[in-house]
């Protein structure tokens, strides 16, 4: 079974190359989600419109469903830094469509960093000195008006570039906004002057990538999953006068867009491939209502239904596909016995993609406390090739225990097979049969073996007459890794 150290290592690799440099600790966040409770599930979402008129320049294939790491080719890898000249991507006069409006630029420079009309907007604890502030970008974007400022770093961040001593702040507002209508949207401490700075809005599809003048910028809106479960990406070059790309990609299909990637190259050498910093300007946007087919089991409590809805949204987020292009089903749903408090709820979500390949998320939730807050975690994610019907496939899930609000779930193993499966053997690391589990309607949820020596490495499913229906290993997190990876990740 995958322990926290394995998950930490995998998600650290994923975070380093799918998130922008300012977004540190993504692996810690996801591990915390894996081991502890959350009020709702898993983020969200995706883009619906392609970049009009772009010509595909490169296609990079990523291994899936089981990922074999490629050699790193980004700014964090050895080699490219010495192959190209370093450049300060934030240097020079203001850029953007309003850069020539000196009065507007000066008003933006004086915007407060510690105040916002919306309490959900990010704000700094201390105002940077006015003398240290400089406007890097100010201009109109799809559905809005944005500005990027740099100033002395007063946030106490561990600097990515100790020499810079700078923080950056994005300010955003509606189309035609006056300077005082721009509100903080993103704060970045410890700015690395050599790293491109980005921002994308899931509500409008606006994207800005700031690199050095002369740098080449490419965009990939979503991963492409083939029928065999392999994942690739196509990057298209975009116009970037003075090193700035301002794009209108169309609104995301869900709450956020985590399928989008950008690539920056200099003198033909790739500097970085990453996910842009994202936000959503429309905070009242509802979660998509996507039809769900229930193959076995039925919807649980309102909290469990909310967890499932959030997971569907997460599928849209990471695939970049609109809801109408994905068929969603629950392969199996049922209760998980609790040590204390109400039982947990396990739901195995399957999203069939246009190619026929299937992305899976195993969702475990439980209601906690007097307010019946619902927390949730993953028991695994997978990406399987097209072909075998979901009702005939085999699943072995490692579901971690958790506690909170007077409720506690122990560690459990879930076995889900065809309805013809009458029992299953848990197999140890040597392939020997360790524990036999009777199945009801082809499935069971049982406590994980208490003996540490019994390492559940696989399960063998049997029909009533003892005929083997096949073996399967525990579902890990390769599905999320494969679909979220970018070219050049290590």
Protein backbone atom coordinates (compact mmCIF):
# COMPACT_ATOMS: atom_id res chain seq x y z
CA UNK A 1 0.00 0.00 0.00
CA UNK A 2 1.13 3.58 -0.62
CA UNK A 3 2.20 5.33 2.58
CA UNK A 4 2.45 9.08 3.21
CA UNK A 5 6.14 9.17 2.26
CA UNK A 6 5.42 7.64 -1.15
CA UNK A 7 2.52 10.01 -1.74
CA UNK A 8 4.60 12.98 -0.58
CA UNK A 9 7.40 12.11 -3.02
CA UNK A 10 5.05 11.64 -5.98
CA UNK A 11 3.08 14.83 -5.32
CA UNK A 12 6.23 16.86 -4.70
CA UNK A 13 7.42 15.92 -8.20
CA UNK A 14 3.99 16.79 -9.55
CA UNK A 15 3.83 20.12 -7.73
CA UNK A 16 7.27 21.22 -8.89
CA UNK A 17 6.33 20.99 -12.54
CA UNK A 18 2.59 21.58 -12.71
CA UNK A 19 2.35 24.63 -10.48
CA UNK A 20 4.02 28.02 -10.79
CA UNK A 21 7.01 28.67 -8.53
CA UNK A 22 5.08 30.90 -6.05
CA UNK A 23 2.70 28.06 -5.21
CA UNK A 24 4.96 26.20 -2.78
CA UNK A 25 3.86 23.23 -0.73
CA UNK A 26 1.27 21.78 -3.11
CA UNK A 27 2.37 18.29 -2.15
CA UNK A 28 1.86 19.06 1.54
CA UNK A 29 -1.61 20.39 0.83
CA UNK A 30 -2.66 17.31 -1.12
CA UNK A 31 -1.13 14.91 1.42
CA UNK A 32 -3.10 16.76 4.10
CA UNK A 33 -6.20 16.22 2.00
CA UNK A 34 -5.30 12.53 1.70
CA UNK A 35 -4.82 12.01 5.42
CA UNK A 36 -7.24 14.49 6.97
CA UNK A 37 -10.62 16.07 6.53
CA UNK A 38 -11.81 18.80 4.25
CA UNK A 39 -15.00 20.80 4.31
CA UNK A 40 -15.48 20.20 0.63
CA UNK A 41 -13.64 18.38 -2.08
CA UNK A 42 -10.77 18.85 -4.35
CA UNK A 43 -10.81 22.18 -6.10
CA UNK A 44 -12.07 22.40 -9.68
CA UNK A 45 -11.99 22.82 -13.39
CA UNK A 46 -11.31 23.50 -17.04
CA UNK A 47 -11.44 25.56 -20.21
CA UNK A 48 -14.15 25.25 -22.85
CA UNK A 49 -12.77 27.23 -25.75
CA UNK A 50 -9.58 26.68 -27.79
CA UNK A 51 -7.10 29.43 -28.57
CA UNK A 52 -8.38 30.60 -31.94
CA UNK A 53 -6.02 30.43 -34.87
CA UNK A 54 -3.07 28.89 -33.05
CA UNK A 55 -0.82 26.46 -34.88
CA UNK A 56 0.48 23.48 -32.93
CA UNK A 57 4.25 23.61 -32.75
CA UNK A 58 5.11 20.67 -30.51
CA UNK A 59 3.46 17.63 -29.01
CA UNK A 60 4.96 16.02 -25.93
CA UNK A 61 3.92 12.54 -24.83
CA UNK A 62 3.69 11.78 -21.12
CA UNK A 63 3.72 8.21 -19.86
CA UNK A 64 0.41 6.98 -18.40
CA UNK A 65 -1.40 5.32 -16.78
CA UNK A 66 1.84 4.36 -14.97
CA UNK A 67 4.18 7.33 -15.28
CA UNK A 68 7.88 6.91 -15.97
CA UNK A 69 9.49 10.26 -15.09
CA UNK A 70 11.17 12.06 -17.98
CA UNK A 71 14.43 13.97 -17.76
CA UNK A 72 13.80 17.45 -16.41
CA UNK A 73 14.14 20.17 -19.02
CA UNK A 74 12.82 23.24 -17.19
CA UNK A 75 14.46 26.05 -15.29
CA UNK A 76 15.02 23.77 -12.31
CA UNK A 77 17.09 21.32 -14.35
CA UNK A 78 20.83 21.44 -14.77
CA UNK A 79 21.82 22.66 -18.18
CA UNK A 80 19.38 25.26 -19.56
CA UNK A 81 20.46 27.94 -17.07
CA UNK A 82 23.99 27.81 -18.41
CA UNK A 83 22.84 27.47 -22.01
CA UNK A 84 20.94 30.78 -22.14
CA UNK A 85 21.59 34.24 -20.81
CA UNK A 86 19.83 35.12 -17.55
CA UNK A 87 17.21 37.87 -17.76
CA UNK A 88 15.16 39.87 -15.27
CA UNK A 89 11.62 39.28 -16.51
CA UNK A 90 10.29 42.18 -14.41
CA UNK A 91 12.81 44.78 -15.54
CA UNK A 92 12.14 47.76 -17.78
CA UNK A 93 9.30 50.25 -18.17
CA UNK A 94 5.64 49.26 -17.67
CA UNK A 95 4.16 46.95 -20.31
CA UNK A 96 0.57 46.44 -21.39
CA UNK A 97 -2.09 48.38 -23.30
CA UNK A 98 -2.30 51.16 -20.65
CA UNK A 99 1.43 51.51 -20.05
CA UNK A 100 1.49 54.82 -21.89
CA UNK A 101 -1.12 56.40 -19.59
CA UNK A 102 1.24 57.93 -17.03
CA UNK A 103 -1.54 59.19 -14.75
CA UNK A 104 -3.18 55.74 -14.66
CA UNK A 105 0.18 54.07 -14.03
CA UNK A 106 0.94 56.39 -11.12
CA UNK A 107 -2.51 55.84 -9.57
CA UNK A 108 -1.99 52.08 -9.80
CA UNK A 109 1.43 52.39 -8.18
CA UNK A 110 -0.22 53.92 -5.13
CA UNK A 111 -2.87 51.22 -4.68
CA UNK A 112 -3.00 49.75 -1.15
CA UNK A 113 -1.69 46.20 -0.72
CA UNK A 114 -3.27 45.71 2.75
CA UNK A 115 -6.89 46.52 1.91
CA UNK A 116 -9.58 45.00 -0.32
CA UNK A 117 -13.31 45.55 -0.72
CA UNK A 118 -13.82 41.77 -0.83
CA UNK A 119 -12.63 40.07 2.40
CA UNK A 120 -11.83 36.92 0.40
CA UNK A 121 -9.20 38.75 -1.64
CA UNK A 122 -5.55 38.23 -0.59
CA UNK A 123 -3.96 41.19 1.20
CA UNK A 124 -0.54 41.91 2.65
CA UNK A 125 -0.01 42.46 6.39
CA UNK A 126 2.23 45.47 5.83
CA UNK A 127 2.28 48.10 3.11
CA UNK A 128 5.49 48.14 1.07
CA UNK A 129 7.07 51.57 0.87
CA UNK A 130 5.84 53.72 -1.99
CA UNK A 131 9.39 54.41 -3.14
CA UNK A 132 9.99 50.68 -3.66
CA UNK A 133 6.92 50.14 -5.85
CA UNK A 134 7.06 49.74 -9.62
CA UNK A 135 4.35 48.95 -12.16
CA UNK A 136 5.39 46.04 -14.41
CA UNK A 137 2.17 45.55 -16.35
CA UNK A 138 -1.09 47.42 -16.70
CA UNK A 139 -3.62 46.77 -19.41
CA UNK A 140 -6.94 45.48 -20.63
CA UNK A 141 -7.57 41.73 -20.75
CA UNK A 142 -10.58 39.63 -21.68
CA UNK A 143 -13.42 40.84 -19.47
CA UNK A 144 -11.24 42.95 -17.22
CA UNK A 145 -8.35 45.27 -16.48
CA UNK A 146 -5.24 44.03 -14.67
CA UNK A 147 -2.03 45.39 -13.19
CA UNK A 148 1.14 43.77 -11.82
CA UNK A 149 3.32 45.60 -9.31
CA UNK A 150 6.59 44.74 -7.59
CA UNK A 151 7.85 46.24 -4.35
CA UNK A 152 9.98 45.47 -1.32
CA UNK A 153 9.00 42.14 0.22
CA UNK A 154 7.27 42.81 3.54
CA UNK A 155 5.66 39.34 3.75
CA UNK A 156 8.57 37.54 5.39
CA UNK A 157 8.67 34.95 2.62
CA UNK A 158 11.61 32.64 2.11
CA UNK A 159 13.02 34.20 -1.06
CA UNK A 160 13.33 32.17 -4.23
CA UNK A 161 15.90 34.73 -5.31
CA UNK A 162 17.69 36.18 -2.22
CA UNK A 163 19.13 38.96 -4.35
CA UNK A 164 15.74 40.37 -5.37
CA UNK A 165 14.12 41.12 -1.99
CA UNK A 166 10.90 41.75 -3.89
CA UNK A 167 7.25 40.77 -3.70
CA UNK A 168 4.74 41.00 -6.54
CA UNK A 169 1.02 41.73 -6.48
CA UNK A 170 -1.61 41.31 -9.16
CA UNK A 171 -4.56 43.72 -9.06
CA UNK A 172 -7.68 43.01 -11.11
CA UNK A 173 -10.94 44.73 -11.90
CA UNK A 174 -13.81 44.78 -14.39
CA UNK A 175 -13.48 46.00 -17.95
CA UNK A 176 -12.74 49.72 -18.05
CA UNK A 177 -12.03 49.86 -14.30
CA UNK A 178 -10.60 53.02 -12.78
CA UNK A 179 -7.41 52.53 -10.73
CA UNK A 180 -9.28 52.57 -7.41
CA UNK A 181 -11.53 49.73 -8.65
CA UNK A 182 -8.59 47.34 -8.99
CA UNK A 183 -8.42 44.82 -6.13
CA UNK A 184 -5.64 42.44 -5.01
CA UNK A 185 -5.93 39.05 -6.73
CA UNK A 186 -2.58 37.39 -6.02
CA UNK A 187 0.39 38.12 -3.76
CA UNK A 188 3.78 36.53 -4.43
CA UNK A 189 6.56 36.80 -1.86
CA UNK A 190 10.22 36.08 -2.46
CA UNK A 191 9.99 36.77 -6.19
CA UNK A 192 12.49 35.06 -8.47
CA UNK A 193 13.36 37.67 -11.08
CA UNK A 194 14.27 35.00 -13.64
CA UNK A 195 10.87 33.25 -13.48
CA UNK A 196 7.96 34.34 -15.69
CA UNK A 197 4.97 35.75 -13.79
CA UNK A 198 1.45 34.70 -14.78
CA UNK A 199 -2.21 35.09 -13.94
CA UNK A 200 -5.34 33.45 -15.35
CA UNK A 201 -9.03 34.03 -14.64
CA UNK A 202 -11.25 30.94 -14.84
CA UNK A 203 -14.37 33.12 -15.16
CA UNK A 204 -13.29 34.93 -18.32
CA UNK A 205 -10.44 32.82 -19.72
CA UNK A 206 -8.04 35.78 -19.56
CA UNK A 207 -4.36 34.79 -19.32
CA UNK A 208 -1.28 36.99 -19.01
CA UNK A 209 2.26 35.59 -19.17
CA UNK A 210 5.11 38.04 -18.48
CA UNK A 211 8.53 36.90 -19.63
CA UNK A 212 11.61 38.75 -20.86
CA UNK A 213 11.48 40.62 -24.19
CA UNK A 214 12.37 38.20 -26.96
CA UNK A 215 11.28 35.10 -25.05
CA UNK A 216 9.01 32.64 -26.88
CA UNK A 217 5.73 31.75 -25.17
CA UNK A 218 3.54 28.73 -25.94
CA UNK A 219 0.24 27.59 -24.44
CA UNK A 220 -1.41 24.19 -23.98
CA UNK A 221 -5.03 24.36 -22.89
CA UNK A 222 -5.48 20.77 -21.80
CA UNK A 223 -3.91 17.29 -21.73
CA UNK A 224 -4.95 14.83 -24.43
CA UNK A 225 -5.75 11.33 -23.17
CA UNK A 226 -5.60 8.54 -25.76
CA UNK A 227 -7.68 5.36 -25.68
CA UNK A 228 -4.75 3.41 -24.23
CA UNK A 229 -4.49 5.83 -21.31
CA UNK A 230 -1.36 7.63 -22.46
CA UNK A 231 -1.32 11.39 -22.01
CA UNK A 232 0.14 14.03 -24.32
CA UNK A 233 0.09 17.80 -24.70
CA UNK A 234 0.20 20.07 -27.72
CA UNK A 235 1.74 23.51 -27.25
CA UNK A 236 0.94 26.39 -29.61
CA UNK A 237 3.02 29.57 -30.00
CA UNK A 238 1.35 32.86 -29.13
CA UNK A 239 2.21 36.48 -29.83
CA UNK A 240 4.32 37.99 -27.04
CA UNK A 241 5.37 41.55 -27.91
CA UNK A 242 7.92 42.82 -25.39
CA UNK A 243 7.76 39.40 -23.72
CA UNK A 244 4.07 39.72 -22.72
CA UNK A 245 1.33 37.36 -23.92
CA UNK A 246 -2.25 38.55 -23.30
CA UNK A 247 -4.73 35.83 -24.29
CA UNK A 248 -8.48 35.23 -24.25
CA UNK A 249 -9.01 31.48 -23.94
CA UNK A 250 -12.69 31.38 -23.03
CA UNK A 251 -14.30 30.65 -19.64
CA UNK A 252 -13.44 27.49 -17.72
CA UNK A 253 -15.94 24.65 -17.57
CA UNK A 254 -15.79 24.51 -13.78
CA UNK A 255 -14.70 26.57 -10.83
CA UNK A 256 -11.00 26.81 -11.66
CA UNK A 257 -8.69 25.86 -14.52
CA UNK A 258 -5.87 23.49 -13.62
CA UNK A 259 -5.52 21.95 -17.08
CA UNK A 260 -3.87 25.03 -18.57
CA UNK A 261 -0.09 25.15 -19.04
CA UNK A 262 2.33 27.69 -20.47
CA UNK A 263 5.87 27.24 -21.73
CA UNK A 264 8.59 29.87 -22.01
CA UNK A 265 11.74 29.39 -24.10
CA UNK A 266 14.74 31.63 -24.73
CA UNK A 267 17.04 31.22 -27.71
CA UNK A 268 15.42 27.86 -28.42
CA UNK A 269 16.00 26.52 -24.89
CA UNK A 270 13.01 25.75 -22.66
CA UNK A 271 13.07 27.72 -19.40
CA UNK A 272 9.85 26.59 -17.73
CA UNK A 273 6.63 24.66 -18.33
CA UNK A 274 4.06 25.25 -15.61
CA UNK A 275 0.49 25.93 -14.61
CA UNK A 276 -0.27 29.65 -14.35
CA UNK A 277 -1.39 31.24 -11.11
CA UNK A 278 -5.17 31.22 -11.19
CA UNK A 279 -8.15 32.90 -9.60
CA UNK A 280 -11.84 33.34 -10.34
CA UNK A 281 -13.28 36.83 -10.64
CA UNK A 282 -16.89 35.58 -10.40
CA UNK A 283 -17.19 34.13 -6.89
CA UNK A 284 -20.91 33.37 -7.23
CA UNK A 285 -20.49 30.90 -10.09
CA UNK A 286 -22.27 27.58 -9.31
CA UNK A 287 -20.69 24.13 -9.51
CA UNK A 288 -21.62 22.43 -12.82
CA UNK A 289 -24.63 20.11 -12.69
CA UNK A 290 -23.32 16.98 -14.42
CA UNK A 291 -25.49 13.85 -14.83
CA UNK A 292 -24.18 10.83 -12.90
CA UNK A 293 -25.02 7.20 -13.68
CA UNK A 294 -25.15 4.96 -10.61
CA UNK A 295 -23.91 1.46 -11.51
CA UNK A 296 -24.00 0.07 -7.96
CA UNK A 297 -25.07 1.83 -4.81
CA UNK A 298 -27.03 5.02 -4.45
CA UNK A 299 -26.48 8.63 -3.38
CA UNK A 300 -25.74 9.05 0.30
CA UNK A 301 -26.20 12.04 2.58
CA UNK A 302 -26.21 15.64 1.42
CA UNK A 303 -22.57 15.82 2.50
CA UNK A 304 -21.60 12.77 0.45
CA UNK A 305 -23.44 14.19 -2.56
CA UNK A 306 -21.52 17.45 -2.12
CA UNK A 307 -18.22 15.53 -2.06
CA UNK A 308 -19.19 13.75 -5.28
CA UNK A 309 -20.16 17.04 -6.93
CA UNK A 310 -16.81 18.54 -5.96
CA UNK A 311 -15.00 15.53 -7.40
CA UNK A 312 -16.84 15.85 -10.71
CA UNK A 313 -15.79 19.49 -10.75
CA UNK A 314 -12.21 18.38 -10.06
CA UNK A 315 -12.31 16.10 -13.11
CA UNK A 316 -13.32 19.06 -15.26
CA UNK A 317 -10.53 21.09 -13.67
CA UNK A 318 -7.68 18.73 -14.46
CA UNK A 319 -8.88 17.47 -17.85
CA UNK A 320 -9.90 20.84 -19.27
CA UNK A 321 -12.92 19.21 -20.90
CA UNK A 322 -16.44 20.64 -20.83
CA UNK A 323 -19.02 18.60 -18.96
CA UNK A 324 -20.83 17.49 -22.11
CA UNK A 325 -17.73 15.65 -23.33
CA UNK A 326 -17.40 13.45 -20.23
CA UNK A 327 -19.62 10.55 -19.11
CA UNK A 328 -19.68 10.29 -15.33
CA UNK A 329 -20.63 7.17 -13.37
CA UNK A 330 -20.32 5.86 -9.83
CA UNK A 331 -18.96 2.33 -10.13
CA UNK A 332 -19.81 1.51 -6.52
CA UNK A 333 -20.95 3.39 -3.43
CA UNK A 334 -21.38 2.11 0.10
CA UNK A 335 -20.79 2.69 3.78
CA UNK A 336 -17.48 2.33 5.60
CA UNK A 337 -17.82 1.22 9.27
CA UNK A 338 -16.69 3.83 11.80
CA UNK A 339 -14.83 3.41 15.07
CA UNK A 340 -16.91 6.28 16.48
CA UNK A 341 -19.54 8.50 14.92
CA UNK A 342 -21.55 7.91 11.75
CA UNK A 343 -20.22 5.56 9.06
CA UNK A 344 -18.09 6.91 6.27
CA UNK A 345 -19.16 6.85 2.64
CA UNK A 346 -17.00 5.46 -0.15
CA UNK A 347 -17.79 6.44 -3.75
CA UNK A 348 -15.77 5.22 -6.73
CA UNK A 349 -16.18 7.89 -9.40
CA UNK A 350 -15.41 7.08 -13.05
CA UNK A 351 -15.18 9.70 -15.79
CA UNK A 352 -15.12 8.28 -19.31
CA UNK A 353 -13.19 10.69 -21.53
CA UNK A 354 -13.81 11.26 -25.27
CA UNK A 355 -11.20 8.64 -26.22
CA UNK A 356 -12.90 6.00 -24.08
CA UNK A 357 -10.14 6.01 -21.44
CA UNK A 358 -11.45 6.24 -17.88
CA UNK A 359 -10.20 8.50 -15.08
CA UNK A 360 -11.10 7.28 -11.57
CA UNK A 361 -11.23 8.89 -8.13
CA UNK A 362 -12.07 6.93 -4.99
CA UNK A 363 -13.74 9.32 -2.52
CA UNK A 364 -14.07 8.65 1.20
CA UNK A 365 -16.16 11.02 3.31
CA UNK A 366 -17.61 11.20 6.81
CA UNK A 367 -19.82 13.63 8.70
CA UNK A 368 -18.22 15.11 11.80
CA UNK A 369 -19.22 17.17 14.81
CA UNK A 370 -22.52 18.64 15.90
CA UNK A 371 -22.81 20.64 12.69
CA UNK A 372 -22.37 17.47 10.62
CA UNK A 373 -19.57 19.03 8.59
CA UNK A 374 -18.49 16.61 5.87
CA UNK A 375 -14.78 15.92 5.46
CA UNK A 376 -13.31 13.86 2.66
CA UNK A 377 -10.12 12.32 1.33
CA UNK A 378 -8.98 10.15 -1.54
CA UNK A 379 -8.44 6.39 -1.48
CA UNK A 380 -6.65 6.65 -4.83
CA UNK A 381 -6.88 7.85 -8.41
CA UNK A 382 -6.37 5.88 -11.61
CA UNK A 383 -6.36 6.23 -15.40
CA UNK A 384 -7.41 3.10 -17.28
CA UNK A 385 -7.54 2.33 -21.00
CA UNK A 386 -10.77 2.04 -22.97
CA UNK A 387 -12.34 -1.35 -23.54
CA UNK A 388 -13.39 -3.35 -20.49
CA UNK A 389 -16.79 -2.29 -19.09
CA UNK A 390 -16.56 -0.72 -15.65
CA UNK A 391 -18.87 -3.39 -14.23
CA UNK A 392 -16.33 -6.08 -15.18
CA UNK A 393 -13.21 -4.42 -13.81
CA UNK A 394 -11.40 -5.13 -10.53
CA UNK A 395 -10.56 -2.51 -7.91
CA UNK A 396 -8.53 -2.71 -4.70
CA UNK A 397 -8.61 0.48 -2.63
CA UNK A 398 -6.48 1.46 0.38
CA UNK A 399 -8.63 3.85 2.43
CA UNK A 400 -6.77 5.67 5.23
CA UNK A 401 -8.24 6.17 8.66
CA UNK A 402 -8.99 9.65 9.97
CA UNK A 403 -10.65 11.38 12.89
CA UNK A 404 -12.18 14.70 13.83
CA UNK A 405 -15.23 16.24 15.45
CA UNK A 406 -15.86 13.15 17.57
CA UNK A 407 -15.86 10.83 14.55
CA UNK A 408 -13.21 8.29 13.61
CA UNK A 409 -12.66 5.92 10.72
CA UNK A 410 -10.03 3.21 10.90
CA UNK A 411 -7.90 2.02 8.00
CA UNK A 412 -9.94 -0.02 5.53
CA UNK A 413 -9.51 -2.03 2.36
CA UNK A 414 -12.24 -1.90 -0.29
CA UNK A 415 -12.66 -4.66 -2.87
CA UNK A 416 -14.91 -4.02 -5.87
CA UNK A 417 -15.32 -6.56 -8.66
CA UNK A 418 -18.02 -7.94 -10.96
CA UNK A 419 -21.27 -8.96 -9.30
CA UNK A 420 -20.29 -12.57 -10.09
CA UNK A 421 -17.36 -12.31 -7.65
CA UNK A 422 -18.24 -14.20 -4.46
CA UNK A 423 -14.99 -13.75 -2.56
CA UNK A 424 -11.52 -12.27 -2.79
CA UNK A 425 -8.14 -13.13 -1.33
CA UNK A 426 -5.83 -10.39 -0.07
CA UNK A 427 -2.33 -11.28 -1.23
CA UNK A 428 0.85 -10.37 0.61
CA UNK A 429 4.09 -9.10 -0.89
CA UNK A 430 5.20 -12.59 -1.85
CA UNK A 431 1.96 -13.25 -3.72
CA UNK A 432 0.69 -15.66 -1.07
CA UNK A 433 -2.94 -15.69 -0.01
CA UNK A 434 -3.23 -13.96 3.38
CA UNK A 435 -6.87 -13.12 4.13
CA UNK A 436 -10.07 -14.32 2.43
CA UNK A 437 -12.91 -11.78 2.21
CA UNK A 438 -16.51 -12.74 1.34
CA UNK A 439 -18.14 -10.34 -1.12
CA UNK A 440 -21.72 -9.15 -1.40
CA UNK A 441 -22.81 -8.20 -4.89
CA UNK A 442 -19.13 -8.39 -5.84
CA UNK A 443 -17.88 -5.90 -3.24
CA UNK A 444 -16.81 -5.51 0.40
CA UNK A 445 -15.19 -2.98 2.72
CA UNK A 446 -13.16 -4.54 5.54
CA UNK A 447 -10.69 -3.28 8.15
CA UNK A 448 -7.11 -3.33 6.92
CA UNK A 449 -5.13 -6.27 8.36
CA UNK A 450 -3.94 -5.40 11.85
CA UNK A 451 -0.73 -7.41 11.46
CA UNK A 452 1.97 -5.06 10.06
CA UNK A 453 3.58 -8.07 8.42
CA UNK A 454 0.52 -8.52 6.22
CA UNK A 455 1.31 -6.03 3.48
CA UNK A 456 -1.63 -6.12 1.07
CA UNK A 457 0.09 -6.10 -2.31
CA UNK A 458 -2.79 -7.36 -4.45
CA UNK A 459 -6.19 -9.05 -4.41
CA UNK A 460 -7.49 -12.05 -6.32
CA UNK A 461 -11.24 -12.19 -7.05
CA UNK A 462 -13.03 -15.56 -7.23
CA UNK A 463 -16.39 -16.69 -8.59
CA UNK A 464 -18.69 -18.87 -6.45
CA UNK A 465 -17.17 -22.03 -7.95
CA UNK A 466 -13.63 -20.89 -7.06
CA UNK A 467 -12.71 -19.82 -10.58
CA UNK A 468 -10.28 -16.91 -10.55
CA UNK A 469 -11.67 -13.72 -12.09
CA UNK A 470 -8.28 -12.05 -12.01
CA UNK A 471 -5.87 -10.15 -9.80
CA UNK A 472 -5.37 -6.44 -9.26
CA UNK A 473 -3.00 -4.23 -7.28
CA UNK A 474 -4.04 -1.34 -5.03
CA UNK A 475 -5.11 1.81 -6.84
CA UNK A 476 -2.42 4.41 -6.21
CA UNK A 477 -2.30 8.00 -7.43
CA UNK A 478 -0.94 7.43 -10.93
CA UNK A 479 -4.18 8.67 -12.47
CA UNK A 480 -3.84 12.16 -11.02
CA UNK A 481 -0.10 12.15 -11.71
CA UNK A 482 -0.51 11.15 -15.36
CA UNK A 483 -3.25 13.58 -16.20
CA UNK A 484 -1.68 16.53 -14.35
CA UNK A 485 1.95 16.10 -15.38
CA UNK A 486 3.66 18.55 -17.69
CA UNK A 487 6.50 18.00 -20.12
CA UNK A 488 9.85 18.06 -18.38
CA UNK A 489 8.69 16.98 -14.94
CA UNK A 490 10.96 14.79 -12.86
